Protein backbone atom coordinates (compact mmCIF):
# COMPACT_ATOMS: atom_id res chain seq x y z
CA UNK A 1 -44.99 -71.54 18.09
CA UNK A 2 -41.64 -71.53 16.36
CA UNK A 3 -39.16 -68.52 16.69
CA UNK A 4 -38.92 -66.35 13.69
CA UNK A 5 -35.35 -65.56 12.23
CA UNK A 6 -35.05 -62.92 9.78
CA UNK A 7 -32.00 -63.32 7.50
CA UNK A 8 -30.77 -60.26 5.55
CA UNK A 9 -28.17 -61.67 3.09
CA UNK A 10 -27.68 -60.85 -0.69
CA UNK A 11 -25.71 -64.15 -1.46
CA UNK A 12 -28.08 -66.93 -2.61
CA UNK A 13 -25.75 -69.63 -1.42
CA UNK A 14 -25.38 -68.12 2.03
CA UNK A 15 -29.08 -67.58 2.27
CA UNK A 16 -29.78 -71.06 1.44
CA UNK A 17 -27.30 -72.46 4.01
CA UNK A 18 -28.49 -70.27 6.78
CA UNK A 19 -32.23 -70.99 6.03
CA UNK A 20 -31.50 -74.63 5.92
CA UNK A 21 -29.77 -74.60 9.37
CA UNK A 22 -32.41 -72.55 10.94
CA UNK A 23 -35.29 -74.42 9.42
CA UNK A 24 -33.74 -77.85 10.64
CA UNK A 25 -33.54 -76.43 14.03
CA UNK A 26 -37.27 -75.53 14.03
CA UNK A 27 -37.15 -71.66 13.16
CA UNK A 28 -39.50 -70.06 10.92
CA UNK A 29 -37.31 -68.23 8.27
CA UNK A 30 -38.08 -64.70 6.66
CA UNK A 31 -35.60 -63.73 3.86
CA UNK A 32 -34.52 -60.47 2.68
CA UNK A 33 -31.79 -59.93 0.04
CA UNK A 34 -31.03 -56.22 0.79
CA UNK A 35 -30.95 -53.93 3.69
CA UNK A 36 -33.98 -51.85 2.74
CA UNK A 37 -36.08 -55.00 2.32
CA UNK A 38 -34.75 -56.30 5.65
CA UNK A 39 -35.61 -53.17 7.50
CA UNK A 40 -39.23 -53.36 6.13
CA UNK A 41 -39.39 -57.13 6.95
CA UNK A 42 -38.32 -56.50 10.57
CA UNK A 43 -40.91 -53.81 11.04
CA UNK A 44 -43.85 -55.91 9.41
CA UNK A 45 -42.84 -59.41 10.92
CA UNK A 46 -41.20 -58.69 14.21
CA UNK A 47 -38.68 -61.46 14.16
CA UNK A 48 -37.14 -63.04 17.28
CA UNK A 49 -33.59 -62.73 15.82
CA UNK A 50 -31.97 -61.05 12.90
CA UNK A 51 -28.98 -62.34 11.03
CA UNK A 52 -27.29 -59.43 9.22
CA UNK A 53 -24.79 -59.67 6.42
CA UNK A 54 -22.54 -56.63 6.42
CA UNK A 55 -21.78 -56.44 2.80
CA UNK A 56 -25.27 -55.69 1.21
CA UNK A 57 -26.35 -53.71 -1.75
CA UNK A 58 -28.02 -50.41 -1.32
CA UNK A 59 -27.39 -50.14 2.34
CA UNK A 60 -24.74 -51.92 4.18
CA UNK A 61 -25.40 -53.88 7.38
CA UNK A 62 -23.81 -51.30 9.69
CA UNK A 63 -26.55 -48.71 8.53
CA UNK A 64 -29.09 -51.47 8.63
CA UNK A 65 -28.38 -52.22 12.39
CA UNK A 66 -28.32 -48.41 13.10
CA UNK A 67 -31.86 -48.08 11.41
CA UNK A 68 -33.29 -51.05 13.32
CA UNK A 69 -32.02 -49.67 16.64
CA UNK A 70 -33.81 -46.36 16.25
CA UNK A 71 -37.15 -48.17 16.62
CA UNK A 72 -38.15 -48.85 20.30
CA UNK A 73 -40.24 -51.93 19.22
CA UNK A 74 -37.13 -53.58 17.72
CA UNK A 75 -34.62 -52.76 20.48
CA UNK A 76 -35.08 -56.15 22.18
CA UNK A 77 -34.38 -58.20 19.13
CA UNK A 78 -30.85 -59.66 18.83
CA UNK A 79 -29.06 -58.68 15.77
CA UNK A 80 -26.27 -61.09 14.67
CA UNK A 81 -23.80 -59.69 12.16
CA UNK A 82 -22.67 -62.65 9.83
CA UNK A 83 -19.76 -61.63 7.54
CA UNK A 84 -16.87 -62.79 5.80
CA UNK A 85 -15.11 -59.52 5.93
CA UNK A 86 -13.49 -60.06 9.13
CA UNK A 87 -10.93 -57.28 9.18
CA UNK A 88 -9.46 -55.72 12.28
CA UNK A 89 -12.10 -53.40 13.74
CA UNK A 90 -15.14 -54.88 11.87
CA UNK A 91 -16.42 -56.67 15.00
CA UNK A 92 -16.22 -53.52 17.02
CA UNK A 93 -17.89 -51.44 14.17
CA UNK A 94 -20.70 -53.97 13.99
CA UNK A 95 -21.32 -53.90 17.80
CA UNK A 96 -21.17 -50.10 17.70
CA UNK A 97 -23.67 -50.05 14.94
CA UNK A 98 -26.21 -51.97 17.14
CA UNK A 99 -25.34 -55.61 16.54
CA UNK A 100 -25.66 -57.89 19.53
CA UNK A 101 -22.99 -60.32 18.30
CA UNK A 102 -20.91 -61.26 15.47
CA UNK A 103 -20.11 -64.50 13.70
CA UNK A 104 -17.55 -64.86 10.87
CA UNK A 105 -18.08 -66.83 7.63
CA UNK A 106 -17.54 -69.34 6.68
CA UNK A 107 -20.34 -70.74 8.76
CA UNK A 108 -19.53 -74.05 10.71
CA UNK A 109 -22.91 -75.97 10.50
CA UNK A 110 -22.10 -77.79 13.88
CA UNK A 111 -21.69 -74.73 15.81
CA UNK A 112 -23.71 -71.93 14.10
CA UNK A 113 -27.05 -72.30 16.04
CA UNK A 114 -25.39 -72.56 19.43
CA UNK A 115 -23.26 -69.65 18.60
CA UNK A 116 -26.27 -67.61 17.41
CA UNK A 117 -28.29 -68.50 20.52
CA UNK A 118 -25.56 -67.55 22.84
CA UNK A 119 -26.62 -63.89 21.85
CA UNK A 120 -30.21 -64.37 22.99
CA UNK A 121 -31.65 -62.86 26.08
CA UNK A 122 -32.77 -65.33 28.89
CA UNK A 123 -36.44 -64.60 28.14
CA UNK A 124 -35.87 -65.65 24.45
CA UNK A 125 -33.84 -68.68 25.39
CA UNK A 126 -36.66 -69.76 27.73
CA UNK A 127 -39.27 -69.41 24.85
CA UNK A 128 -36.85 -71.30 22.62
CA UNK A 129 -36.47 -74.09 25.22
CA UNK A 130 -40.25 -74.33 25.82
CA UNK A 131 -40.87 -75.15 22.11
């Protein structure tokens, strides 16, 4: 069974690229174009990893991460903040909000999947390698 990745991203080009890279690497992709839909999708679909843009309409990625971390059934899921707004303190703020890791845009297609998977738990990596 493939691992499920939830992408919460409002930019269609970024969504397309992330989806393409994940699907090419044998992930099932769930898409949400804003934070509210992303939280709903996480609760309903229980993904194995969440890729979270910080600059989102309606609710920013920091608040999305905080909301996701309030739920015990979602605590084990790695949240990887993916953002082009890499200002001083942004990484720290993302981690303080509940993100497991942080990747800056623009995405490097050659290194994105290994970087994302570097934030996986040993159990999740084993499941990934057993596929």
